[in-house]
């Protein structure tokens, strides 16, 4: 079984997008918003990447 890196790519890209959105989209305590939104983005990116890896693995078999 090969391990794909889509989960890592998804986690890193979604956390960066979430942190940017939280920092630039809120004028009240942007640092806290960036941390929270970045963590939510990382969780979402991890799940989407893991599902993408699982589907890719299932299709290759």
N, C-alpha and C. Protein backbone atom coordinates (compact mmCIF):
# COMPACT_ATOMS: atom_id res chain seq x y z
N UNK A 1 0.84 -1.18 0.00
CA UNK A 1 0.00 0.00 0.00
C UNK A 1 0.88 1.24 0.00
N UNK A 2 0.64 2.11 -0.92
CA UNK A 2 1.39 3.35 -0.97
C UNK A 2 0.62 4.44 -0.23
N UNK A 3 1.36 5.31 0.37
CA UNK A 3 0.76 6.41 1.11
C UNK A 3 0.82 7.65 0.25
N UNK A 4 -0.34 8.25 -0.01
CA UNK A 4 -0.38 9.47 -0.78
C UNK A 4 -0.11 10.68 0.09
N UNK A 5 0.21 11.75 -0.56
CA UNK A 5 0.49 13.00 0.17
C UNK A 5 -0.61 14.04 0.01
N UNK A 6 -1.75 13.62 -0.52
CA UNK A 6 -2.83 14.58 -0.71
C UNK A 6 -3.33 15.14 0.61
N UNK A 7 -3.32 14.32 1.67
CA UNK A 7 -3.79 14.79 2.98
C UNK A 7 -2.88 15.90 3.50
N UNK A 8 -1.57 15.76 3.27
CA UNK A 8 -0.63 16.78 3.73
C UNK A 8 -0.77 18.06 2.90
N UNK A 9 -0.89 17.90 1.60
CA UNK A 9 -1.06 19.06 0.72
C UNK A 9 -2.36 19.79 1.06
N UNK A 10 -3.44 19.03 1.26
CA UNK A 10 -4.72 19.64 1.63
C UNK A 10 -4.65 20.36 2.96
N UNK A 11 -4.00 19.73 3.94
CA UNK A 11 -3.91 20.33 5.27
C UNK A 11 -3.11 21.63 5.23
N UNK A 12 -1.97 21.62 4.55
CA UNK A 12 -1.14 22.82 4.50
C UNK A 12 -1.80 23.94 3.71
N UNK A 13 -2.39 23.61 2.56
CA UNK A 13 -2.98 24.67 1.74
C UNK A 13 -4.23 25.25 2.39
N UNK A 14 -5.09 24.40 2.96
CA UNK A 14 -6.30 24.91 3.59
C UNK A 14 -5.99 25.68 4.87
N UNK A 15 -4.95 25.28 5.60
CA UNK A 15 -4.61 26.04 6.80
C UNK A 15 -4.05 27.41 6.43
N UNK A 16 -3.27 27.48 5.36
CA UNK A 16 -2.75 28.78 4.91
C UNK A 16 -3.89 29.68 4.42
N UNK A 17 -4.81 29.11 3.66
CA UNK A 17 -5.95 29.90 3.18
C UNK A 17 -6.83 30.35 4.34
N UNK A 18 -7.07 29.46 5.29
CA UNK A 18 -7.90 29.82 6.44
C UNK A 18 -7.26 30.89 7.30
N UNK A 19 -5.96 30.78 7.52
CA UNK A 19 -5.27 31.79 8.33
C UNK A 19 -5.28 33.14 7.64
N UNK A 20 -5.07 33.14 6.34
CA UNK A 20 -5.10 34.40 5.58
C UNK A 20 -6.49 35.02 5.63
N UNK A 21 -7.51 34.20 5.43
CA UNK A 21 -8.87 34.70 5.46
C UNK A 21 -9.21 35.24 6.85
N UNK A 22 -8.82 34.53 7.90
CA UNK A 22 -9.10 35.00 9.26
C UNK A 22 -8.36 36.27 9.60
N UNK A 23 -7.13 36.41 9.13
CA UNK A 23 -6.34 37.59 9.45
C UNK A 23 -6.83 38.82 8.69
N UNK A 24 -7.11 38.65 7.41
CA UNK A 24 -7.49 39.81 6.59
C UNK A 24 -8.98 40.11 6.63
N UNK A 25 -9.80 39.14 6.99
CA UNK A 25 -11.24 39.33 6.93
C UNK A 25 -11.87 39.86 8.21
N UNK A 26 -11.09 40.06 9.24
CA UNK A 26 -11.67 40.47 10.51
C UNK A 26 -10.83 41.61 11.08
N UNK A 27 -11.49 42.66 11.49
CA UNK A 27 -10.74 43.78 12.05
C UNK A 27 -10.60 43.68 13.57
N UNK A 28 -11.35 42.79 14.21
CA UNK A 28 -11.30 42.64 15.66
C UNK A 28 -10.45 41.42 16.00
N UNK A 29 -9.33 41.63 16.63
CA UNK A 29 -8.37 40.59 17.01
C UNK A 29 -8.07 39.64 15.84
N UNK A 30 -7.38 40.14 14.82
CA UNK A 30 -7.11 39.31 13.65
C UNK A 30 -6.21 38.12 13.93
N UNK A 31 -5.34 38.21 14.93
CA UNK A 31 -4.47 37.08 15.25
C UNK A 31 -5.25 35.88 15.74
N UNK A 32 -6.23 36.12 16.63
CA UNK A 32 -7.06 35.02 17.12
C UNK A 32 -7.91 34.43 16.00
N UNK A 33 -8.43 35.30 15.15
CA UNK A 33 -9.23 34.81 14.03
C UNK A 33 -8.38 33.99 13.08
N UNK A 34 -7.15 34.41 12.85
CA UNK A 34 -6.27 33.67 11.95
C UNK A 34 -5.95 32.29 12.50
N UNK A 35 -5.72 32.20 13.80
CA UNK A 35 -5.41 30.89 14.41
C UNK A 35 -6.61 29.96 14.33
N UNK A 36 -7.76 30.45 14.73
CA UNK A 36 -8.96 29.61 14.71
C UNK A 36 -9.37 29.17 13.31
N UNK A 37 -9.38 30.11 12.38
CA UNK A 37 -9.77 29.78 11.02
C UNK A 37 -8.72 28.90 10.36
N UNK A 38 -7.46 29.11 10.69
CA UNK A 38 -6.40 28.26 10.15
C UNK A 38 -6.52 26.82 10.64
N UNK A 39 -6.87 26.65 11.92
CA UNK A 39 -7.06 25.30 12.46
C UNK A 39 -8.27 24.60 11.82
N UNK A 40 -9.34 25.35 11.63
CA UNK A 40 -10.50 24.76 10.95
C UNK A 40 -10.16 24.39 9.52
N UNK A 41 -9.40 25.25 8.85
CA UNK A 41 -8.97 24.94 7.49
C UNK A 41 -8.07 23.73 7.42
N UNK A 42 -7.19 23.58 8.41
CA UNK A 42 -6.31 22.42 8.45
C UNK A 42 -7.11 21.14 8.63
N UNK A 43 -8.11 21.17 9.50
CA UNK A 43 -8.94 19.98 9.72
C UNK A 43 -9.72 19.62 8.46
N UNK A 44 -10.29 20.63 7.81
CA UNK A 44 -11.03 20.38 6.58
C UNK A 44 -10.11 19.86 5.48
N UNK A 45 -8.95 20.47 5.34
CA UNK A 45 -8.00 20.02 4.32
C UNK A 45 -7.51 18.61 4.58
N UNK A 46 -7.30 18.25 5.85
CA UNK A 46 -6.89 16.89 6.19
C UNK A 46 -7.95 15.88 5.79
N UNK A 47 -9.21 16.18 6.11
CA UNK A 47 -10.30 15.26 5.79
C UNK A 47 -10.46 15.13 4.27
N UNK A 48 -10.48 16.25 3.57
CA UNK A 48 -10.64 16.18 2.11
C UNK A 48 -9.47 15.47 1.45
N UNK A 49 -8.27 15.72 1.92
CA UNK A 49 -7.10 15.05 1.36
C UNK A 49 -7.10 13.56 1.65
N UNK A 50 -7.52 13.17 2.85
CA UNK A 50 -7.58 11.75 3.20
C UNK A 50 -8.63 11.03 2.37
N UNK A 51 -9.77 11.66 2.16
CA UNK A 51 -10.81 11.07 1.32
C UNK A 51 -10.30 10.95 -0.12
N UNK A 52 -9.62 11.96 -0.59
CA UNK A 52 -9.06 11.92 -1.94
C UNK A 52 -8.03 10.80 -2.07
N UNK A 53 -7.20 10.62 -1.06
CA UNK A 53 -6.24 9.51 -1.07
C UNK A 53 -6.94 8.16 -1.07
N UNK A 54 -7.98 8.03 -0.27
CA UNK A 54 -8.71 6.76 -0.19
C UNK A 54 -9.40 6.43 -1.51
N UNK A 55 -10.00 7.44 -2.13
CA UNK A 55 -10.65 7.22 -3.43
C UNK A 55 -9.62 6.86 -4.49
N UNK A 56 -8.50 7.56 -4.49
CA UNK A 56 -7.43 7.25 -5.44
C UNK A 56 -6.88 5.85 -5.25
N UNK A 57 -6.75 5.43 -4.01
CA UNK A 57 -6.25 4.08 -3.73
C UNK A 57 -7.27 3.03 -4.17
N UNK A 58 -8.55 3.29 -3.90
CA UNK A 58 -9.59 2.34 -4.29
C UNK A 58 -9.69 2.21 -5.80
N UNK A 59 -9.52 3.30 -6.51
CA UNK A 59 -9.58 3.25 -7.98
C UNK A 59 -8.38 2.55 -8.58
N UNK A 60 -7.26 2.58 -7.90
CA UNK A 60 -6.06 1.94 -8.45
C UNK A 60 -6.08 0.43 -8.27
N UNK A 61 -6.97 -0.08 -7.46
CA UNK A 61 -7.03 -1.53 -7.22
C UNK A 61 -7.98 -2.18 -8.12
